Amino acid sequence: EYAHSPLFKRDPRFFITAVVEPDKSRRERAKGLFKDANIYEDLNTMFKNEDLDFIDICTPPAYHVDAIMSAC
């Protein structure tokens, strides 16, 4: 919200098309920040519904491996 997304929003080469956020209140916040993006509660649902070129993993480091393996 404060580190990665402002950079992506400034660069016209990036289009945020999907966001995964397990927390309901943060999903609502994501809807406000990324009005054109599909917002998901979990990675697996997003991967079933999206054709992605790039994934930015913004979870705490302890959760990176699971997200990376799911993305692979």
PDB file of N, CA and C in Angstrom:
ATOM      1  N   GLU A   1       0.820  -1.201   0.000  1.00  0.00           N
ATOM      2  CA  GLU A   1       0.000   0.000   0.000  1.00  0.00           C
ATOM      3  C   GLU A   1       0.859   1.257   0.000  1.00  0.00           C
ATOM      4  N   TYR A   2       1.952   1.249   0.767  1.00  0.00           N
ATOM      5  CA  TYR A   2       2.769   2.449   0.890  1.00  0.00           C
ATOM      6  C   TYR A   2       4.107   2.356   0.174  1.00  0.00           C
ATOM      7  N   ALA A   3       4.559   1.164  -0.162  1.00  0.00           N
ATOM      8  CA  ALA A   3       5.879   1.013  -0.769  1.00  0.00           C
ATOM      9  C   ALA A   3       5.785   0.664  -2.252  1.00  0.00           C
ATOM     10  N   HIS A   4       5.227  -0.486  -2.573  1.00  0.00           N
ATOM     11  CA  HIS A   4       5.233  -0.962  -3.957  1.00  0.00           C
ATOM     12  C   HIS A   4       4.182  -0.272  -4.822  1.00  0.00           C
ATOM     13  N   SER A   5       2.962  -0.210  -4.349  1.00  0.00           N
ATOM     14  CA  SER A   5       1.878   0.279  -5.205  1.00  0.00           C
ATOM     15  C   SER A   5       2.071   1.718  -5.694  1.00  0.00           C
ATOM     16  N   PRO A   6       2.572   2.648  -4.885  1.00  0.00           N
ATOM     17  CA  PRO A   6       2.771   3.995  -5.434  1.00  0.00           C
ATOM     18  C   PRO A   6       3.753   4.010  -6.612  1.00  0.00           C
ATOM     19  N   LEU A   7       4.757   3.162  -6.561  1.00  0.00           N
ATOM     20  CA  LEU A   7       5.715   3.098  -7.668  1.00  0.00           C
ATOM     21  C   LEU A   7       5.066   2.540  -8.924  1.00  0.00           C
ATOM     22  N   PHE A   8       4.298   1.475  -8.774  1.00  0.00           N
ATOM     23  CA  PHE A   8       3.630   0.879  -9.931  1.00  0.00           C
ATOM     24  C   PHE A   8       2.609   1.835 -10.536  1.00  0.00           C
ATOM     25  N   LYS A   9       1.908   2.567  -9.692  1.00  0.00           N
ATOM     26  CA  LYS A   9       0.880   3.477 -10.191  1.00  0.00           C
ATOM     27  C   LYS A   9       1.483   4.652 -10.962  1.00  0.00           C
ATOM     28  N   ARG A  10       2.736   4.980 -10.702  1.00  0.00           N
ATOM     29  CA  ARG A  10       3.403   6.086 -11.404  1.00  0.00           C
ATOM     30  C   ARG A  10       3.981   5.661 -12.746  1.00  0.00           C
ATOM     31  N   ASP A  11       4.183   4.383 -12.934  1.00  0.00           N
ATOM     32  CA  ASP A  11       4.832   3.895 -14.148  1.00  0.00           C
ATOM     33  C   ASP A  11       3.770   3.362 -15.117  1.00  0.00           C
ATOM     34  N   PRO A  12       3.586   4.001 -16.263  1.00  0.00           N
ATOM     35  CA  PRO A  12       2.529   3.579 -17.189  1.00  0.00           C
ATOM     36  C   PRO A  12       2.761   2.205 -17.824  1.00  0.00           C
ATOM     37  N   ARG A  13       3.933   1.635 -17.626  1.00  0.00           N
ATOM     38  CA  ARG A  13       4.190   0.292 -18.172  1.00  0.00           C
ATOM     39  C   ARG A  13       3.529  -0.798 -17.335  1.00  0.00           C
ATOM     40  N   PHE A  14       3.108  -0.478 -16.114  1.00  0.00           N
ATOM     41  CA  PHE A  14       2.513  -1.457 -15.213  1.00  0.00           C
ATOM     42  C   PHE A  14       1.008  -1.261 -15.119  1.00  0.00           C
ATOM     43  N   PHE A  15       0.291  -2.362 -15.172  1.00  0.00           N
ATOM     44  CA  PHE A  15      -1.152  -2.359 -14.974  1.00  0.00           C
ATOM     45  C   PHE A  15      -1.459  -3.358 -13.869  1.00  0.00           C
ATOM     46  N   ILE A  16      -1.936  -2.892 -12.743  1.00  0.00           N
ATOM     47  CA  ILE A  16      -2.314  -3.780 -11.650  1.00  0.00           C
ATOM     48  C   ILE A  16      -3.682  -4.336 -12.001  1.00  0.00           C
ATOM     49  N   THR A  17      -3.730  -5.628 -12.328  1.00  0.00           N
ATOM     50  CA  THR A  17      -4.982  -6.245 -12.762  1.00  0.00           C
ATOM     51  C   THR A  17      -5.611  -7.111 -11.685  1.00  0.00           C
ATOM     52  N   ALA A  18      -4.820  -7.494 -10.676  1.00  0.00           N
ATOM     53  CA  ALA A  18      -5.354  -8.368  -9.625  1.00  0.00           C
ATOM     54  C   ALA A  18      -4.585  -8.132  -8.333  1.00  0.00           C
ATOM     55  N   VAL A  19      -5.305  -8.254  -7.236  1.00  0.00           N
ATOM     56  CA  VAL A  19      -4.722  -8.123  -5.901  1.00  0.00           C
ATOM     57  C   VAL A  19      -5.283  -9.249  -5.043  1.00  0.00           C
ATOM     58  N   VAL A  20      -4.420  -9.877  -4.255  1.00  0.00           N
ATOM     59  CA  VAL A  20      -4.857 -10.885  -3.284  1.00  0.00           C
ATOM     60  C   VAL A  20      -4.680 -10.297  -1.891  1.00  0.00           C
ATOM     61  N   GLU A  21      -5.752 -10.344  -1.125  1.00  0.00           N
ATOM     62  CA  GLU A  21      -5.704  -9.854   0.257  1.00  0.00           C
ATOM     63  C   GLU A  21      -6.673 -10.674   1.101  1.00  0.00           C
ATOM     64  N   PRO A  22      -6.158 -11.481   2.036  1.00  0.00           N
ATOM     65  CA  PRO A  22      -7.033 -12.321   2.858  1.00  0.00           C
ATOM     66  C   PRO A  22      -7.912 -11.535   3.837  1.00  0.00           C
ATOM     67  N   ASP A  23      -7.458 -10.364   4.249  1.00  0.00           N
ATOM     68  CA  ASP A  23      -8.191  -9.586   5.236  1.00  0.00           C
ATOM     69  C   ASP A  23      -9.287  -8.748   4.565  1.00  0.00           C
ATOM     70  N   LYS A  24     -10.515  -8.896   5.022  1.00  0.00           N
ATOM     71  CA  LYS A  24     -11.655  -8.235   4.384  1.00  0.00           C
ATOM     72  C   LYS A  24     -11.516  -6.713   4.365  1.00  0.00           C
ATOM     73  N   SER A  25     -11.112  -6.111   5.461  1.00  0.00           N
ATOM     74  CA  SER A  25     -11.000  -4.646   5.495  1.00  0.00           C
ATOM     75  C   SER A  25      -9.912  -4.148   4.548  1.00  0.00           C
ATOM     76  N   ARG A  26      -8.840  -4.908   4.418  1.00  0.00           N
ATOM     77  CA  ARG A  26      -7.771  -4.511   3.491  1.00  0.00           C
ATOM     78  C   ARG A  26      -8.183  -4.761   2.042  1.00  0.00           C
ATOM     79  N   ARG A  27      -9.044  -5.752   1.802  1.00  0.00           N
ATOM     80  CA  ARG A  27      -9.577  -5.942   0.445  1.00  0.00           C
ATOM     81  C   ARG A  27     -10.383  -4.709   0.037  1.00  0.00           C
ATOM     82  N   GLU A  28     -11.158  -4.185   0.962  1.00  0.00           N
ATOM     83  CA  GLU A  28     -11.932  -2.975   0.675  1.00  0.00           C
ATOM     84  C   GLU A  28     -10.989  -1.809   0.353  1.00  0.00           C
ATOM     85  N   ARG A  29      -9.915  -1.710   1.092  1.00  0.00           N
ATOM     86  CA  ARG A  29      -8.912  -0.656   0.833  1.00  0.00           C
ATOM     87  C   ARG A  29      -8.294  -0.850  -0.552  1.00  0.00           C
ATOM     88  N   ALA A  30      -7.985  -2.094  -0.895  1.00  0.00           N
ATOM     89  CA  ALA A  30      -7.398  -2.388  -2.209  1.00  0.00           C
ATOM     90  C   ALA A  30      -8.357  -2.001  -3.331  1.00  0.00           C
ATOM     91  N   LYS A  31      -9.655  -2.212  -3.135  1.00  0.00           N
ATOM     92  CA  LYS A  31     -10.638  -1.821  -4.150  1.00  0.00           C
ATOM     93  C   LYS A  31     -10.581  -0.324  -4.410  1.00  0.00           C
ATOM     94  N   GLY A  32     -10.339   0.456  -3.355  1.00  0.00           N
ATOM     95  CA  GLY A  32     -10.218   1.900  -3.520  1.00  0.00           C
ATOM     96  C   GLY A  32      -8.930   2.316  -4.201  1.00  0.00           C
ATOM     97  N   LEU A  33      -7.870   1.602  -3.931  1.00  0.00           N
ATOM     98  CA  LEU A  33      -6.562   1.935  -4.510  1.00  0.00           C
ATOM     99  C   LEU A  33      -6.425   1.482  -5.959  1.00  0.00           C
ATOM    100  N   PHE A  34      -6.995   0.328  -6.274  1.00  0.00           N
ATOM    101  CA  PHE A  34      -6.859  -0.265  -7.613  1.00  0.00           C
ATOM    102  C   PHE A  34      -8.244  -0.513  -8.190  1.00  0.00           C
ATOM    103  N   LYS A  35      -8.869   0.554  -8.638  1.00  0.00           N
ATOM    104  CA  LYS A  35     -10.269   0.507  -9.067  1.00  0.00           C
ATOM    105  C   LYS A  35     -10.531  -0.459 -10.224  1.00  0.00           C
ATOM    106  N   ASP A  36      -9.559  -0.677 -11.079  1.00  0.00           N
ATOM    107  CA  ASP A  36      -9.743  -1.559 -12.234  1.00  0.00           C
ATOM    108  C   ASP A  36      -9.273  -2.987 -11.985  1.00  0.00           C
ATOM    109  N   ALA A  37      -8.750  -3.262 -10.807  1.00  0.00           N
ATOM    110  CA  ALA A  37      -8.202  -4.592 -10.512  1.00  0.00           C
ATOM    111  C   ALA A  37      -9.271  -5.521  -9.934  1.00  0.00           C
ATOM    112  N   ASN A  38      -9.103  -6.793 -10.213  1.00  0.00           N
ATOM    113  CA  ASN A  38      -9.914  -7.817  -9.555  1.00  0.00           C
ATOM    114  C   ASN A  38      -9.280  -8.103  -8.200  1.00  0.00           C
ATOM    115  N   ILE A  39     -10.097  -8.162  -7.172  1.00  0.00           N
ATOM    116  CA  ILE A  39      -9.597  -8.361  -5.812  1.00  0.00           C
ATOM    117  C   ILE A  39      -9.995  -9.757  -5.350  1.00  0.00           C
ATOM    118  N   TYR A  40      -9.014 -10.515  -4.861  1.00  0.00           N
ATOM    119  CA  TYR A  40      -9.230 -11.901  -4.448  1.00  0.00           C
ATOM    120  C   TYR A  40      -8.872 -12.102  -2.985  1.00  0.00           C
ATOM    121  N   GLU A  41      -9.495 -13.114  -2.422  1.00  0.00           N
ATOM    122  CA  GLU A  41      -9.229 -13.481  -1.034  1.00  0.00           C
ATOM    123  C   GLU A  41      -8.055 -14.439  -0.912  1.00  0.00           C
ATOM    124  N   ASP A  42      -7.760 -15.186  -1.989  1.00  0.00           N
ATOM    125  CA  ASP A  42      -6.664 -16.157  -1.918  1.00  0.00           C
ATOM    126  C   ASP A  42      -5.967 -16.300  -3.265  1.00  0.00           C
ATOM    127  N   LEU A  43      -4.723 -16.751  -3.210  1.00  0.00           N
ATOM    128  CA  LEU A  43      -3.899 -16.900  -4.408  1.00  0.00           C
ATOM    129  C   LEU A  43      -4.469 -17.894  -5.408  1.00  0.00           C
ATOM    130  N   ASN A  44      -4.920 -19.039  -4.934  1.00  0.00           N
ATOM    131  CA  ASN A  44      -5.386 -20.078  -5.850  1.00  0.00           C
ATOM    132  C   ASN A  44      -6.548 -19.592  -6.711  1.00  0.00           C
ATOM    133  N   THR A  45      -7.464 -18.858  -6.119  1.00  0.00           N
ATOM    134  CA  THR A  45      -8.582 -18.324  -6.893  1.00  0.00           C
ATOM    135  C   THR A  45      -8.081 -17.333  -7.934  1.00  0.00           C
ATOM    136  N   MET A  46      -7.142 -16.490  -7.550  1.00  0.00           N
ATOM    137  CA  MET A  46      -6.591 -15.540  -8.511  1.00  0.00           C
ATOM    138  C   MET A  46      -5.917 -16.269  -9.672  1.00  0.00           C
ATOM    139  N   PHE A  47      -5.087 -17.268  -9.359  1.00  0.00           N
ATOM    140  CA  PHE A  47      -4.383 -17.989 -10.419  1.00  0.00           C
ATOM    141  C   PHE A  47      -5.344 -18.705 -11.367  1.00  0.00           C
ATOM    142  N   LYS A  48      -6.489 -19.145 -10.885  1.00  0.00           N
ATOM    143  CA  LYS A  48      -7.485 -19.801 -11.738  1.00  0.00           C
ATOM    144  C   LYS A  48      -8.174 -18.822 -12.676  1.00  0.00           C
ATOM    145  N   ASN A  49      -8.197 -17.533 -12.300  1.00  0.00           N
ATOM    146  CA  ASN A  49      -8.986 -16.553 -13.042  1.00  0.00           C
ATOM    147  C   ASN A  49      -8.179 -15.508 -13.800  1.00  0.00           C
ATOM    148  N   GLU A  50      -6.890 -15.455 -13.585  1.00  0.00           N
ATOM    149  CA  GLU A  50      -6.078 -14.390 -14.189  1.00  0.00           C
ATOM    150  C   GLU A  50      -4.967 -14.946 -15.061  1.00  0.00           C
ATOM    151  N   ASP A  51      -4.632 -14.194 -16.094  1.00  0.00           N
ATOM    152  CA  ASP A  51      -3.480 -14.485 -16.945  1.00  0.00           C
ATOM    153  C   ASP A  51      -2.456 -13.386 -16.653  1.00  0.00           C
ATOM    154  N   LEU A  52      -1.476 -13.689 -15.821  1.00  0.00           N
ATOM    155  CA  LEU A  52      -0.561 -12.680 -15.295  1.00  0.00           C
ATOM    156  C   LEU A  52       0.817 -12.758 -15.943  1.00  0.00           C
ATOM    157  N   ASP A  53       1.439 -11.610 -16.113  1.00  0.00           N
ATOM    158  CA  ASP A  53       2.810 -11.536 -16.620  1.00  0.00           C
ATOM    159  C   ASP A  53       3.825 -11.331 -15.510  1.00  0.00           C
ATOM    160  N   PHE A  54       3.380 -10.810 -14.380  1.00  0.00           N
ATOM    161  CA  PHE A  54       4.282 -10.413 -13.306  1.00  0.00           C
ATOM    162  C   PHE A  54       3.529 -10.522 -11.986  1.00  0.00           C
ATOM    163  N   ILE A  55       4.226 -10.937 -10.943  1.00  0.00           N
ATOM    164  CA  ILE A  55       3.634 -11.021  -9.612  1.00  0.00           C
ATOM    165  C   ILE A  55       4.570 -10.326  -8.639  1.00  0.00           C
ATOM    166  N   ASP A  56       4.006  -9.421  -7.859  1.00  0.00           N
ATOM    167  CA  ASP A  56       4.759  -8.732  -6.811  1.00  0.00           C
ATOM    168  C   ASP A  56       4.277  -9.285  -5.479  1.00  0.00           C
ATOM    169  N   ILE A  57       5.121 -10.013  -4.800  1.00  0.00           N
ATOM    170  CA  ILE A  57       4.743 -10.642  -3.527  1.00  0.00           C
ATOM    171  C   ILE A  57       5.079  -9.671  -2.400  1.00  0.00           C
ATOM    172  N   CYS A  58       4.051  -9.233  -1.702  1.00  0.00           N
ATOM    173  CA  CYS A  58       4.201  -8.214  -0.660  1.00  0.00           C
ATOM    174  C   CYS A  58       3.853  -8.744   0.723  1.00  0.00           C
ATOM    175  N   THR A  59       3.849 -10.033   0.872  1.00  0.00           N
ATOM    176  CA  THR A  59       3.567 -10.635   2.171  1.00  0.00           C
ATOM    177  C   THR A  59       4.792 -10.502   3.069  1.00  0.00           C
ATOM    178  N   PRO A  60       4.623 -10.721   4.374  1.00  0.00           N
ATOM    179  CA  PRO A  60       5.802 -10.782   5.236  1.00  0.00           C
ATOM    180  C   PRO A  60       6.744 -11.893   4.734  1.00  0.00           C
ATOM    181  N   PRO A  61       8.043 -11.720   4.882  1.00  0.00           N
ATOM    182  CA  PRO A  61       9.007 -12.686   4.350  1.00  0.00           C
ATOM    183  C   PRO A  61       8.744 -14.146   4.721  1.00  0.00           C
ATOM    184  N   ALA A  62       8.215 -14.397   5.877  1.00  0.00           N
ATOM    185  CA  ALA A  62       7.962 -15.781   6.289  1.00  0.00           C
ATOM    186  C   ALA A  62       6.969 -16.488   5.364  1.00  0.00           C
ATOM    187  N   TYR A  63       6.168 -15.724   4.602  1.00  0.00           N
ATOM    188  CA  TYR A  63       5.161 -16.307   3.724  1.00  0.00           C
ATOM    189  C   TYR A  63       5.576 -16.289   2.254  1.00  0.00           C
ATOM    190  N   HIS A  64       6.741 -15.778   1.933  1.00  0.00           N
ATOM    191  CA  HIS A  64       7.173 -15.677   0.544  1.00  0.00           C
ATOM    192  C   HIS A  64       7.271 -17.027  -0.143  1.00  0.00           C
ATOM    193  N   VAL A  65       7.831 -18.008   0.511  1.00  0.00           N
ATOM    194  CA  VAL A  65       8.063 -19.314  -0.143  1.00  0.00           C
ATOM    195  C   VAL A  65       6.746 -19.912  -0.627  1.00  0.00           C
ATOM    196  N   ASP A  66       5.718 -19.900   0.205  1.00  0.00           N
ATOM    197  CA  ASP A  66       4.428 -20.464  -0.206  1.00  0.00           C
ATOM    198  C   ASP A  66       3.864 -19.721  -1.411  1.00  0.00           C
ATOM    199  N   ALA A  67       3.949 -18.403  -1.379  1.00  0.00           N
ATOM    200  CA  ALA A  67       3.429 -17.617  -2.496  1.00  0.00           C
ATOM    201  C   ALA A  67       4.237 -17.865  -3.778  1.00  0.00           C
ATOM    202  N   ILE A  68       5.543 -17.939  -3.649  1.00  0.00           N
ATOM    203  CA  ILE A  68       6.402 -18.198  -4.802  1.00  0.00           C
ATOM    204  C   ILE A  68       6.107 -19.573  -5.389  1.00  0.00           C
ATOM    205  N   MET A  69       5.991 -20.571  -4.553  1.00  0.00           N
ATOM    206  CA  MET A  69       5.720 -21.923  -5.040  1.00  0.00           C
ATOM    207  C   MET A  69       4.348 -22.001  -5.707  1.00  0.00           C
ATOM    208  N   SER A  70       3.368 -21.314  -5.184  1.00  0.00           N
ATOM    209  CA  SER A  70       2.051 -21.281  -5.810  1.00  0.00           C
ATOM    210  C   SER A  70       2.129 -20.597  -7.181  1.00  0.00           C
ATOM    211  N   ALA A  71       2.901 -19.537  -7.253  1.00  0.00           N
ATOM    212  CA  ALA A  71       3.043 -18.818  -8.519  1.00  0.00           C
ATOM    213  C   ALA A  71       3.730 -19.666  -9.574  1.00  0.00           C
ATOM    214  N   CYS A  72       4.690 -20.464  -9.147  1.00  0.00           N
ATOM    215  CA  CYS A  72       5.407 -21.333 -10.097  1.00  0.00           C
ATOM    216  C   CYS A  72       4.485 -22.383 -10.659  1.00  0.00           C
TER     217      CYS A  72
END
